[in-house]
PDB file of N, CA and C in Angstrom:
ATOM      1  N   MET A   1      -4.748 -18.054  -9.413  1.00  0.00           N
ATOM      2  CA  MET A   1      -3.310 -17.911  -9.262  1.00  0.00           C
ATOM      3  C   MET A   1      -2.845 -18.830  -8.150  1.00  0.00           C
ATOM      4  N   PRO A   2      -1.908 -19.712  -8.419  1.00  0.00           N
ATOM      5  CA  PRO A   2      -1.440 -20.618  -7.390  1.00  0.00           C
ATOM      6  C   PRO A   2      -0.709 -19.866  -6.300  1.00  0.00           C
ATOM      7  N   THR A   3      -0.935 -20.294  -5.068  1.00  0.00           N
ATOM      8  CA  THR A   3      -0.290 -19.622  -3.951  1.00  0.00           C
ATOM      9  C   THR A   3       0.991 -20.300  -3.544  1.00  0.00           C
ATOM     10  N   ASP A   4       1.144 -21.582  -3.910  1.00  0.00           N
ATOM     11  CA  ASP A   4       2.368 -22.258  -3.515  1.00  0.00           C
ATOM     12  C   ASP A   4       3.479 -21.893  -4.474  1.00  0.00           C
ATOM     13  N   SER A   5       4.672 -21.772  -3.943  1.00  0.00           N
ATOM     14  CA  SER A   5       5.790 -21.373  -4.791  1.00  0.00           C
ATOM     15  C   SER A   5       6.386 -22.599  -5.449  1.00  0.00           C
ATOM     16  N   TYR A   6       7.012 -22.365  -6.547  1.00  0.00           N
ATOM     17  CA  TYR A   6       7.677 -23.432  -7.266  1.00  0.00           C
ATOM     18  C   TYR A   6       9.093 -23.487  -6.767  1.00  0.00           C
ATOM     19  N   SER A   7       9.464 -24.599  -6.200  1.00  0.00           N
ATOM     20  CA  SER A   7      10.822 -24.681  -5.681  1.00  0.00           C
ATOM     21  C   SER A   7      11.636 -25.627  -6.528  1.00  0.00           C
ATOM     22  N   SER A   8      12.922 -25.413  -6.497  1.00  0.00           N
ATOM     23  CA  SER A   8      13.817 -26.260  -7.266  1.00  0.00           C
ATOM     24  C   SER A   8      14.287 -27.454  -6.445  1.00  0.00           C
ATOM     25  N   ASP A   9      13.570 -27.749  -5.364  1.00  0.00           N
ATOM     26  CA  ASP A   9      13.954 -28.850  -4.506  1.00  0.00           C
ATOM     27  C   ASP A   9      13.443 -30.199  -4.995  1.00  0.00           C
ATOM     28  N   SER A  10      12.673 -30.203  -6.073  1.00  0.00           N
ATOM     29  CA  SER A  10      12.137 -31.469  -6.537  1.00  0.00           C
ATOM     30  C   SER A  10      13.279 -32.350  -7.036  1.00  0.00           C
ATOM     31  N   PRO A  11      13.166 -33.646  -6.846  1.00  0.00           N
ATOM     32  CA  PRO A  11      14.274 -34.531  -7.164  1.00  0.00           C
ATOM     33  C   PRO A  11      14.613 -34.588  -8.653  1.00  0.00           C
ATOM     34  N   THR A  12      13.680 -34.243  -9.527  1.00  0.00           N
ATOM     35  CA  THR A  12      13.952 -34.376 -10.958  1.00  0.00           C
ATOM     36  C   THR A  12      14.565 -33.130 -11.567  1.00  0.00           C
ATOM     37  N   THR A  13      14.618 -32.030 -10.833  1.00  0.00           N
ATOM     38  CA  THR A  13      15.142 -30.799 -11.430  1.00  0.00           C
ATOM     39  C   THR A  13      16.644 -30.851 -11.642  1.00  0.00           C
ATOM     40  N   THR A  14      17.340 -31.717 -10.931  1.00  0.00           N
ATOM     41  CA  THR A  14      18.783 -31.813 -11.146  1.00  0.00           C
ATOM     42  C   THR A  14      19.091 -32.440 -12.492  1.00  0.00           C
ATOM     43  N   GLU A  15      18.126 -33.135 -13.067  1.00  0.00           N
ATOM     44  CA  GLU A  15      18.307 -33.742 -14.371  1.00  0.00           C
ATOM     45  C   GLU A  15      17.439 -33.036 -15.401  1.00  0.00           C
ATOM     46  N   SER A  16      17.329 -31.710 -15.305  1.00  0.00           N
ATOM     47  CA  SER A  16      16.452 -30.937 -16.167  1.00  0.00           C
ATOM     48  C   SER A  16      16.831 -31.055 -17.629  1.00  0.00           C
ATOM     49  N   PHE A  17      18.099 -30.952 -17.904  1.00  0.00           N
ATOM     50  CA  PHE A  17      18.518 -31.013 -19.298  1.00  0.00           C
ATOM     51  C   PHE A  17      19.892 -31.633 -19.379  1.00  0.00           C
ATOM     52  N   SER A  18      20.181 -32.150 -20.532  1.00  0.00           N
ATOM     53  CA  SER A  18      21.482 -32.771 -20.737  1.00  0.00           C
ATOM     54  C   SER A  18      22.469 -31.723 -21.216  1.00  0.00           C
ATOM     55  N   ASP A  19      23.734 -32.098 -21.210  1.00  0.00           N
ATOM     56  CA  ASP A  19      24.754 -31.189 -21.741  1.00  0.00           C
ATOM     57  C   ASP A  19      24.468 -30.883 -23.193  1.00  0.00           C
ATOM     58  N   SER A  20      24.782 -29.663 -23.581  1.00  0.00           N
ATOM     59  CA  SER A  20      24.535 -29.281 -24.961  1.00  0.00           C
ATOM     60  C   SER A  20      25.698 -29.681 -25.861  1.00  0.00           C
ATOM     61  N   GLY A  21      26.676 -30.328 -25.326  1.00  0.00           N
ATOM     62  CA  GLY A  21      27.796 -30.793 -26.131  1.00  0.00           C
ATOM     63  C   GLY A  21      28.934 -29.796 -26.109  1.00  0.00           C
ATOM     64  N   SER A  22      30.088 -30.261 -26.522  1.00  0.00           N
ATOM     65  CA  SER A  22      31.260 -29.400 -26.466  1.00  0.00           C
ATOM     66  C   SER A  22      31.285 -28.385 -27.601  1.00  0.00           C
ATOM     67  N   SER A  23      30.623 -28.706 -28.718  1.00  0.00           N
ATOM     68  CA  SER A  23      30.645 -27.760 -29.840  1.00  0.00           C
ATOM     69  C   SER A  23      29.654 -26.629 -29.652  1.00  0.00           C
ATOM     70  N   GLY A  24      28.630 -26.823 -28.803  1.00  0.00           N
ATOM     71  CA  GLY A  24      27.646 -25.787 -28.543  1.00  0.00           C
ATOM     72  C   GLY A  24      26.576 -25.696 -29.610  1.00  0.00           C
ATOM     73  N   THR A  25      26.609 -26.578 -30.598  1.00  0.00           N
ATOM     74  CA  THR A  25      25.625 -26.512 -31.681  1.00  0.00           C
ATOM     75  C   THR A  25      24.449 -27.459 -31.448  1.00  0.00           C
ATOM     76  N   GLU A  26      24.592 -28.410 -30.542  1.00  0.00           N
ATOM     77  CA  GLU A  26      23.494 -29.323 -30.253  1.00  0.00           C
ATOM     78  C   GLU A  26      22.514 -28.654 -29.308  1.00  0.00           C
ATOM     79  N   PHE A  27      21.264 -29.072 -29.379  1.00  0.00           N
ATOM     80  CA  PHE A  27      20.239 -28.537 -28.494  1.00  0.00           C
ATOM     81  C   PHE A  27      20.140 -29.398 -27.241  1.00  0.00           C
ATOM     82  N   ALA A  28      19.851 -28.774 -26.131  1.00  0.00           N
ATOM     83  CA  ALA A  28      19.656 -29.509 -24.893  1.00  0.00           C
ATOM     84  C   ALA A  28      18.324 -30.237 -24.951  1.00  0.00           C
ATOM     85  N   SER A  29      18.272 -31.415 -24.374  1.00  0.00           N
ATOM     86  CA  SER A  29      17.002 -32.137 -24.321  1.00  0.00           C
ATOM     87  C   SER A  29      16.426 -31.978 -22.918  1.00  0.00           C
ATOM     88  N   PHE A  30      15.164 -31.636 -22.844  1.00  0.00           N
ATOM     89  CA  PHE A  30      14.526 -31.354 -21.573  1.00  0.00           C
ATOM     90  C   PHE A  30      13.652 -32.515 -21.148  1.00  0.00           C
ATOM     91  N   ARG A  31      13.459 -32.649 -19.862  1.00  0.00           N
ATOM     92  CA  ARG A  31      12.602 -33.708 -19.339  1.00  0.00           C
ATOM     93  C   ARG A  31      11.144 -33.374 -19.594  1.00  0.00           C
ATOM     94  N   VAL A  32      10.277 -34.340 -19.458  1.00  0.00           N
ATOM     95  CA  VAL A  32       8.842 -34.142 -19.614  1.00  0.00           C
ATOM     96  C   VAL A  32       8.347 -33.339 -18.416  1.00  0.00           C
ATOM     97  N   LEU A  33       7.492 -32.351 -18.687  1.00  0.00           N
ATOM     98  CA  LEU A  33       6.988 -31.487 -17.618  1.00  0.00           C
ATOM     99  C   LEU A  33       5.896 -32.182 -16.822  1.00  0.00           C
ATOM    100  N   SER A  34       5.969 -32.045 -15.519  1.00  0.00           N
ATOM    101  CA  SER A  34       4.909 -32.574 -14.658  1.00  0.00           C
ATOM    102  C   SER A  34       3.759 -31.571 -14.637  1.00  0.00           C
ATOM    103  N   GLU A  35       2.663 -31.963 -14.049  1.00  0.00           N
ATOM    104  CA  GLU A  35       1.517 -31.043 -13.918  1.00  0.00           C
ATOM    105  C   GLU A  35       1.909 -29.836 -13.081  1.00  0.00           C
ATOM    106  N   HIS A  36       2.717 -30.052 -12.058  1.00  0.00           N
ATOM    107  CA  HIS A  36       3.170 -28.948 -11.207  1.00  0.00           C
ATOM    108  C   HIS A  36       4.035 -27.975 -12.016  1.00  0.00           C
ATOM    109  N   ASP A  37       4.904 -28.537 -12.876  1.00  0.00           N
ATOM    110  CA  ASP A  37       5.738 -27.708 -13.742  1.00  0.00           C
ATOM    111  C   ASP A  37       4.866 -26.867 -14.676  1.00  0.00           C
ATOM    112  N   ARG A  38       3.894 -27.515 -15.299  1.00  0.00           N
ATOM    113  CA  ARG A  38       2.998 -26.822 -16.228  1.00  0.00           C
ATOM    114  C   ARG A  38       2.212 -25.726 -15.512  1.00  0.00           C
ATOM    115  N   ALA A  39       1.735 -26.019 -14.304  1.00  0.00           N
ATOM    116  CA  ALA A  39       0.976 -25.020 -13.540  1.00  0.00           C
ATOM    117  C   ALA A  39       1.861 -23.824 -13.194  1.00  0.00           C
ATOM    118  N   ALA A  40       3.113 -24.097 -12.846  1.00  0.00           N
ATOM    119  CA  ALA A  40       4.037 -23.013 -12.506  1.00  0.00           C
ATOM    120  C   ALA A  40       4.317 -22.142 -13.730  1.00  0.00           C
ATOM    121  N   ILE A  41       4.539 -22.762 -14.868  1.00  0.00           N
ATOM    122  CA  ILE A  41       4.807 -22.011 -16.097  1.00  0.00           C
ATOM    123  C   ILE A  41       3.574 -21.218 -16.514  1.00  0.00           C
ATOM    124  N   THR A  42       2.407 -21.827 -16.402  1.00  0.00           N
ATOM    125  CA  THR A  42       1.163 -21.131 -16.721  1.00  0.00           C
ATOM    126  C   THR A  42       0.972 -19.924 -15.814  1.00  0.00           C
ATOM    127  N   ALA A  43       1.293 -20.067 -14.537  1.00  0.00           N
ATOM    128  CA  ALA A  43       1.174 -18.947 -13.597  1.00  0.00           C
ATOM    129  C   ALA A  43       2.112 -17.809 -13.981  1.00  0.00           C
ATOM    130  N   ILE A  44       3.316 -18.142 -14.425  1.00  0.00           N
ATOM    131  CA  ILE A  44       4.268 -17.117 -14.855  1.00  0.00           C
ATOM    132  C   ILE A  44       3.730 -16.383 -16.079  1.00  0.00           C
ATOM    133  N   ILE A  45       3.218 -17.136 -17.038  1.00  0.00           N
ATOM    134  CA  ILE A  45       2.662 -16.520 -18.250  1.00  0.00           C
ATOM    135  C   ILE A  45       1.512 -15.592 -17.892  1.00  0.00           C
ATOM    136  N   GLU A  46       0.604 -16.056 -17.037  1.00  0.00           N
ATOM    137  CA  GLU A  46      -0.545 -15.232 -16.637  1.00  0.00           C
ATOM    138  C   GLU A  46      -0.099 -13.973 -15.914  1.00  0.00           C
ATOM    139  N   THR A  47       0.914 -14.088 -15.073  1.00  0.00           N
ATOM    140  CA  THR A  47       1.433 -12.923 -14.358  1.00  0.00           C
ATOM    141  C   THR A  47       2.024 -11.915 -15.337  1.00  0.00           C
ATOM    142  N   LYS A  48       2.796 -12.401 -16.303  1.00  0.00           N
ATOM    143  CA  LYS A  48       3.397 -11.497 -17.289  1.00  0.00           C
ATOM    144  C   LYS A  48       2.328 -10.824 -18.147  1.00  0.00           C
ATOM    145  N   VAL A  49       1.265 -11.530 -18.471  1.00  0.00           N
ATOM    146  CA  VAL A  49       0.164 -10.924 -19.237  1.00  0.00           C
ATOM    147  C   VAL A  49      -0.499  -9.836 -18.405  1.00  0.00           C
ATOM    148  N   ARG A  50      -0.755 -10.110 -17.112  1.00  0.00           N
ATOM    149  CA  ARG A  50      -1.361  -9.094 -16.242  1.00  0.00           C
ATOM    150  C   ARG A  50      -0.473  -7.872 -16.110  1.00  0.00           C
ATOM    151  N   ILE A  51       0.831  -8.080 -16.007  1.00  0.00           N
ATOM    152  CA  ILE A  51       1.768  -6.954 -15.910  1.00  0.00           C
ATOM    153  C   ILE A  51       1.715  -6.115 -17.186  1.00  0.00           C
ATOM    154  N   THR A  52       1.716  -6.769 -18.336  1.00  0.00           N
ATOM    155  CA  THR A  52       1.644  -6.057 -19.613  1.00  0.00           C
ATOM    156  C   THR A  52       0.359  -5.245 -19.716  1.00  0.00           C
ATOM    157  N   LEU A  53      -0.749  -5.847 -19.325  1.00  0.00           N
ATOM    158  CA  LEU A  53      -2.033  -5.132 -19.352  1.00  0.00           C
ATOM    159  C   LEU A  53      -2.016  -3.940 -18.390  1.00  0.00           C
ATOM    160  N   ALA A  54      -1.456  -4.140 -17.202  1.00  0.00           N
ATOM    161  CA  ALA A  54      -1.390  -3.060 -16.216  1.00  0.00           C
ATOM    162  C   ALA A  54      -0.494  -1.923 -16.712  1.00  0.00           C
ATOM    163  N   GLN A  55       0.609  -2.263 -17.379  1.00  0.00           N
ATOM    164  CA  GLN A  55       1.492  -1.229 -17.919  1.00  0.00           C
ATOM    165  C   GLN A  55       0.776  -0.413 -18.995  1.00  0.00           C
ATOM    166  N   GLY A  56       0.011  -1.093 -19.830  1.00  0.00           N
ATOM    167  CA  GLY A  56      -0.757  -0.387 -20.855  1.00  0.00           C
ATOM    168  C   GLY A  56      -1.785   0.536 -20.236  1.00  0.00           C
ATOM    169  N   GLN A  57      -2.463   0.058 -19.190  1.00  0.00           N
ATOM    170  CA  GLN A  57      -3.451   0.883 -18.502  1.00  0.00           C
ATOM    171  C   GLN A  57      -2.785   2.072 -17.829  1.00  0.00           C
ATOM    172  N   ALA A  58      -1.607   1.859 -17.249  1.00  0.00           N
ATOM    173  CA  ALA A  58      -0.881   2.961 -16.607  1.00  0.00           C
ATOM    174  C   ALA A  58      -0.505   4.026 -17.635  1.00  0.00           C
ATOM    175  N   ARG A  59      -0.081   3.597 -18.833  1.00  0.00           N
ATOM    176  CA  ARG A  59       0.250   4.566 -19.889  1.00  0.00           C
ATOM    177  C   ARG A  59      -0.977   5.393 -20.267  1.00  0.00           C
ATOM    178  N   GLU A  60      -2.119   4.731 -20.399  1.00  0.00           N
ATOM    179  CA  GLU A  60      -3.351   5.445 -20.735  1.00  0.00           C
ATOM    180  C   GLU A  60      -3.740   6.418 -19.620  1.00  0.00           C
ATOM    181  N   ASP A  61      -3.585   5.979 -18.368  1.00  0.00           N
ATOM    182  CA  ASP A  61      -3.897   6.845 -17.226  1.00  0.00           C
ATOM    183  C   ASP A  61      -2.995   8.076 -17.205  1.00  0.00           C
ATOM    184  N   VAL A  62      -1.711   7.862 -17.467  1.00  0.00           N
ATOM    185  CA  VAL A  62      -0.764   8.979 -17.487  1.00  0.00           C
ATOM    186  C   VAL A  62      -1.155   9.973 -18.573  1.00  0.00           C
ATOM    187  N   LYS A  63      -1.496   9.470 -19.767  1.00  0.00           N
ATOM    188  CA  LYS A  63      -1.911  10.358 -20.850  1.00  0.00           C
ATOM    189  C   LYS A  63      -3.132  11.172 -20.453  1.00  0.00           C
ATOM    190  N   ALA A  64      -4.124  10.521 -19.843  1.00  0.00           N
ATOM    191  CA  ALA A  64      -5.362  11.208 -19.478  1.00  0.00           C
ATOM    192  C   ALA A  64      -5.119  12.266 -18.400  1.00  0.00           C
ATOM    193  N   VAL A  65      -4.365  11.919 -17.373  1.00  0.00           N
ATOM    194  CA  VAL A  65      -4.109  12.864 -16.281  1.00  0.00           C
ATOM    195  C   VAL A  65      -3.234  14.007 -16.769  1.00  0.00           C
ATOM    196  N   ALA A  66      -2.217  13.697 -17.569  1.00  0.00           N
ATOM    197  CA  ALA A  66      -1.349  14.756 -18.101  1.00  0.00           C
ATOM    198  C   ALA A  66      -2.151  15.718 -18.960  1.00  0.00           C
ATOM    199  N   ASP A  67      -3.043  15.191 -19.778  1.00  0.00           N
ATOM    200  CA  ASP A  67      -3.880  16.046 -20.617  1.00  0.00           C
ATOM    201  C   ASP A  67      -4.764  16.942 -19.753  1.00  0.00           C
ATOM    202  N   LYS A  68      -5.332  16.358 -18.707  1.00  0.00           N
ATOM    203  CA  LYS A  68      -6.197  17.131 -17.800  1.00  0.00           C
ATOM    204  C   LYS A  68      -5.411  18.234 -17.084  1.00  0.00           C
ATOM    205  N   LEU A  69      -4.147  17.959 -16.758  1.00  0.00           N
ATOM    206  CA  LEU A  69      -3.311  18.935 -16.062  1.00  0.00           C
ATOM    207  C   LEU A  69      -2.615  19.898 -17.022  1.00  0.00           C
ATOM    208  N   GLY A  70      -2.741  19.652 -18.326  1.00  0.00           N
ATOM    209  CA  GLY A  70      -2.114  20.519 -19.310  1.00  0.00           C
ATOM    210  C   GLY A  70      -0.614  20.361 -19.387  1.00  0.00           C
ATOM    211  N   MET A  71      -0.141  19.149 -19.220  1.00  0.00           N
ATOM    212  CA  MET A  71       1.293  18.896 -19.295  1.00  0.00           C
ATOM    213  C   MET A  71       1.549  17.687 -20.182  1.00  0.00           C
ATOM    214  N   LYS A  72       2.798  17.468 -20.510  1.00  0.00           N
ATOM    215  CA  LYS A  72       3.174  16.324 -21.324  1.00  0.00           C
ATOM    216  C   LYS A  72       3.231  15.071 -20.445  1.00  0.00           C
ATOM    217  N   PRO A  73       2.902  13.910 -21.020  1.00  0.00           N
ATOM    218  CA  PRO A  73       3.002  12.651 -20.253  1.00  0.00           C
ATOM    219  C   PRO A  73       4.402  12.406 -19.703  1.00  0.00           C
ATOM    220  N   ALA A  74       5.435  12.791 -20.443  1.00  0.00           N
ATOM    221  CA  ALA A  74       6.808  12.595 -19.965  1.00  0.00           C
ATOM    222  C   ALA A  74       7.074  13.397 -18.693  1.00  0.00           C
ATOM    223  N   GLU A  75       6.519  14.609 -18.629  1.00  0.00           N
ATOM    224  CA  GLU A  75       6.688  15.437 -17.429  1.00  0.00           C
ATOM    225  C   GLU A  75       5.990  14.796 -16.231  1.00  0.00           C
ATOM    226  N   LEU A  76       4.774  14.312 -16.463  1.00  0.00           N
ATOM    227  CA  LEU A  76       4.037  13.652 -15.376  1.00  0.00           C
ATOM    228  C   LEU A  76       4.759  12.391 -14.931  1.00  0.00           C
ATOM    229  N   ASN A  77       5.297  11.635 -15.888  1.00  0.00           N
ATOM    230  CA  ASN A  77       6.047  10.424 -15.531  1.00  0.00           C
ATOM    231  C   ASN A  77       7.257  10.753 -14.665  1.00  0.00           C
ATOM    232  N   LYS A  78       7.928  11.860 -14.969  1.00  0.00           N
ATOM    233  CA  LYS A  78       9.082  12.264 -14.161  1.00  0.00           C
ATOM    234  C   LYS A  78       8.648  12.600 -12.738  1.00  0.00           C
ATOM    235  N   ILE A  79       7.532  13.287 -12.609  1.00  0.00           N
ATOM    236  CA  ILE A  79       7.000  13.629 -11.281  1.00  0.00           C
ATOM    237  C   ILE A  79       6.638  12.355 -10.520  1.00  0.00           C
ATOM    238  N   VAL A  80       5.998  11.436 -11.205  1.00  0.00           N
ATOM    239  CA  VAL A  80       5.602  10.178 -10.574  1.00  0.00           C
ATOM    240  C   VAL A  80       6.830   9.385 -10.129  1.00  0.00           C
ATOM    241  N   ARG A  81       7.856   9.316 -10.995  1.00  0.00           N
ATOM    242  CA  ARG A  81       9.083   8.593 -10.615  1.00  0.00           C
ATOM    243  C   ARG A  81       9.734   9.219  -9.395  1.00  0.00           C
ATOM    244  N   LEU A  82       9.777  10.555  -9.352  1.00  0.00           N
ATOM    245  CA  LEU A  82      10.341  11.231  -8.175  1.00  0.00           C
ATOM    246  C   LEU A  82       9.551  10.902  -6.917  1.00  0.00           C
ATOM    247  N   ALA A  83       8.241  10.940  -7.035  1.00  0.00           N
ATOM    248  CA  ALA A  83       7.391  10.630  -5.882  1.00  0.00           C
ATOM    249  C   ALA A  83       7.579   9.178  -5.437  1.00  0.00           C
ATOM    250  N   MET A  84       7.719   8.279  -6.392  1.00  0.00           N
ATOM    251  CA  MET A  84       7.931   6.869  -6.035  1.00  0.00           C
ATOM    252  C   MET A  84       9.281   6.674  -5.351  1.00  0.00           C
ATOM    253  N   ARG A  85      10.309   7.340  -5.868  1.00  0.00           N
ATOM    254  CA  ARG A  85      11.626   7.242  -5.223  1.00  0.00           C
ATOM    255  C   ARG A  85      11.589   7.841  -3.823  1.00  0.00           C
ATOM    256  N   GLU A  86      10.845   8.926  -3.669  1.00  0.00           N
ATOM    257  CA  GLU A  86      10.719   9.552  -2.351  1.00  0.00           C
ATOM    258  C   GLU A  86      10.068   8.583  -1.371  1.00  0.00           C
ATOM    259  N   ARG A  87       9.027   7.896  -1.825  1.00  0.00           N
ATOM    260  CA  ARG A  87       8.353   6.911  -0.969  1.00  0.00           C
ATOM    261  C   ARG A  87       9.283   5.762  -0.598  1.00  0.00           C
ATOM    262  N   GLU A  88      10.066   5.296  -1.564  1.00  0.00           N
ATOM    263  CA  GLU A  88      10.930   4.140  -1.335  1.00  0.00           C
ATOM    264  C   GLU A  88      12.147   4.464  -0.482  1.00  0.00           C
ATOM    265  N   LYS A  89      12.808   5.581  -0.778  1.00  0.00           N
ATOM    266  CA  LYS A  89      14.096   5.858  -0.150  1.00  0.00           C
ATOM    267  C   LYS A  89      14.084   7.051   0.781  1.00  0.00           C
ATOM    268  N   GLY A  90      13.231   8.010   0.528  1.00  0.00           N
ATOM    269  CA  GLY A  90      13.214   9.224   1.344  1.00  0.00           C
ATOM    270  C   GLY A  90      14.332  10.179   0.976  1.00  0.00           C
ATOM    271  N   ASN A  91      14.097  11.450   1.236  1.00  0.00           N
ATOM    272  CA  ASN A  91      15.061  12.534   1.015  1.00  0.00           C
ATOM    273  C   ASN A  91      15.460  12.721  -0.450  1.00  0.00           C
ATOM    274  N   ILE A  92      14.783  12.072  -1.376  1.00  0.00           N
ATOM    275  CA  ILE A  92      15.092  12.261  -2.791  1.00  0.00           C
ATOM    276  C   ILE A  92      14.712  13.676  -3.216  1.00  0.00           C
ATOM    277  N   LEU A  93      13.534  14.120  -2.788  1.00  0.00           N
ATOM    278  CA  LEU A  93      13.094  15.461  -3.170  1.00  0.00           C
ATOM    279  C   LEU A  93      14.021  16.528  -2.602  1.00  0.00           C
ATOM    280  N   LEU A  94      14.462  16.343  -1.385  1.00  0.00           N
ATOM    281  CA  LEU A  94      15.391  17.291  -0.769  1.00  0.00           C
ATOM    282  C   LEU A  94      16.687  17.342  -1.581  1.00  0.00           C
ATOM    283  N   HIS A  95      17.175  16.190  -1.996  1.00  0.00           N
ATOM    284  CA  HIS A  95      18.391  16.121  -2.810  1.00  0.00           C
ATOM    285  C   HIS A  95      18.171  16.805  -4.158  1.00  0.00           C
ATOM    286  N   GLU A  96      17.029  16.552  -4.802  1.00  0.00           N
ATOM    287  CA  GLU A  96      16.731  17.180  -6.091  1.00  0.00           C
ATOM    288  C   GLU A  96      16.642  18.702  -5.943  1.00  0.00           C
ATOM    289  N   LYS A  97      16.017  19.181  -4.861  1.00  0.00           N
ATOM    290  CA  LYS A  97      15.925  20.622  -4.625  1.00  0.00           C
ATOM    291  C   LYS A  97      17.309  21.236  -4.464  1.00  0.00           C
ATOM    292  N   ALA A  98      18.203  20.535  -3.779  1.00  0.00           N
ATOM    293  CA  ALA A  98      19.566  21.037  -3.593  1.00  0.00           C
ATOM    294  C   ALA A  98      20.287  21.130  -4.937  1.00  0.00           C
ATOM    295  N   LEU A  99      20.084  20.128  -5.786  1.00  0.00           N
ATOM    296  CA  LEU A  99      20.699  20.170  -7.124  1.00  0.00           C
ATOM    297  C   LEU A  99      20.146  21.327  -7.944  1.00  0.00           C
ATOM    298  N   ILE A 100      18.864  21.583  -7.837  1.00  0.00           N
ATOM    299  CA  ILE A 100      18.251  22.691  -8.573  1.00  0.00           C
ATOM    300  C   ILE A 100      18.810  24.022  -8.087  1.00  0.00           C
ATOM    301  N   GLU A 101      18.988  24.166  -6.768  1.00  0.00           N
ATOM    302  CA  GLU A 101      19.545  25.400  -6.226  1.00  0.00           C
ATOM    303  C   GLU A 101      20.955  25.645  -6.754  1.00  0.00           C
ATOM    304  N   VAL A 102      21.759  24.581  -6.834  1.00  0.00           N
ATOM    305  CA  VAL A 102      23.109  24.716  -7.361  1.00  0.00           C
ATOM    306  C   VAL A 102      23.042  25.109  -8.834  1.00  0.00           C
ATOM    307  N   ALA A 103      22.155  24.470  -9.591  1.00  0.00           N
ATOM    308  CA  ALA A 103      22.019  24.787 -11.015  1.00  0.00           C
ATOM    309  C   ALA A 103      21.572  26.220 -11.210  1.00  0.00           C
ATOM    310  N   GLU A 104      20.666  26.717 -10.351  1.00  0.00           N
ATOM    311  CA  GLU A 104      20.193  28.101 -10.454  1.00  0.00           C
ATOM    312  C   GLU A 104      21.327  29.086 -10.214  1.00  0.00           C
ATOM    313  N   GLN A 105      22.274  28.727  -9.338  1.00  0.00           N
ATOM    314  CA  GLN A 105      23.406  29.596  -9.073  1.00  0.00           C
ATOM    315  C   GLN A 105      24.355  29.650 -10.263  1.00  0.00           C
ATOM    316  N   LEU A 106      24.393  28.600 -11.063  1.00  0.00           N
ATOM    317  CA  LEU A 106      25.279  28.556 -12.213  1.00  0.00           C
ATOM    318  C   LEU A 106      24.719  29.306 -13.416  1.00  0.00           C
ATOM    319  N   VAL A 107      23.404  29.425 -13.471  1.00  0.00           N
ATOM    320  CA  VAL A 107      22.754  30.093 -14.608  1.00  0.00           C
ATOM    321  C   VAL A 107      22.561  31.563 -14.251  1.00  0.00           C
ATOM    322  N   PRO A 108      23.071  32.476 -15.121  1.00  0.00           N
ATOM    323  CA  PRO A 108      22.936  33.916 -14.812  1.00  0.00           C
ATOM    324  C   PRO A 108      21.516  34.417 -14.967  1.00  0.00           C
TER     325      PRO A 108
END
């Protein structure tokens, strides 16, 4: 995985493509990709493939853990999302508990 970032500061990126025309039916013509361009695009593709694989593995993990806990995967996903929001922002669980208390008061 390349560590250097792809920046748009290269002198040829300002001429990336031509106008598509006033009618909008013509296709834009793109410049020839440099090795750096190709490496950057390849890195993006590889990253997206890894993300897709990781998402699939996460789904399988959720199914396995939910089954072990005797709950539905959707329920476990909701718990995980709440925990993630709590980690990111804080006080989410406290807010959810307050909403539940209000809802309990409304239900006889």
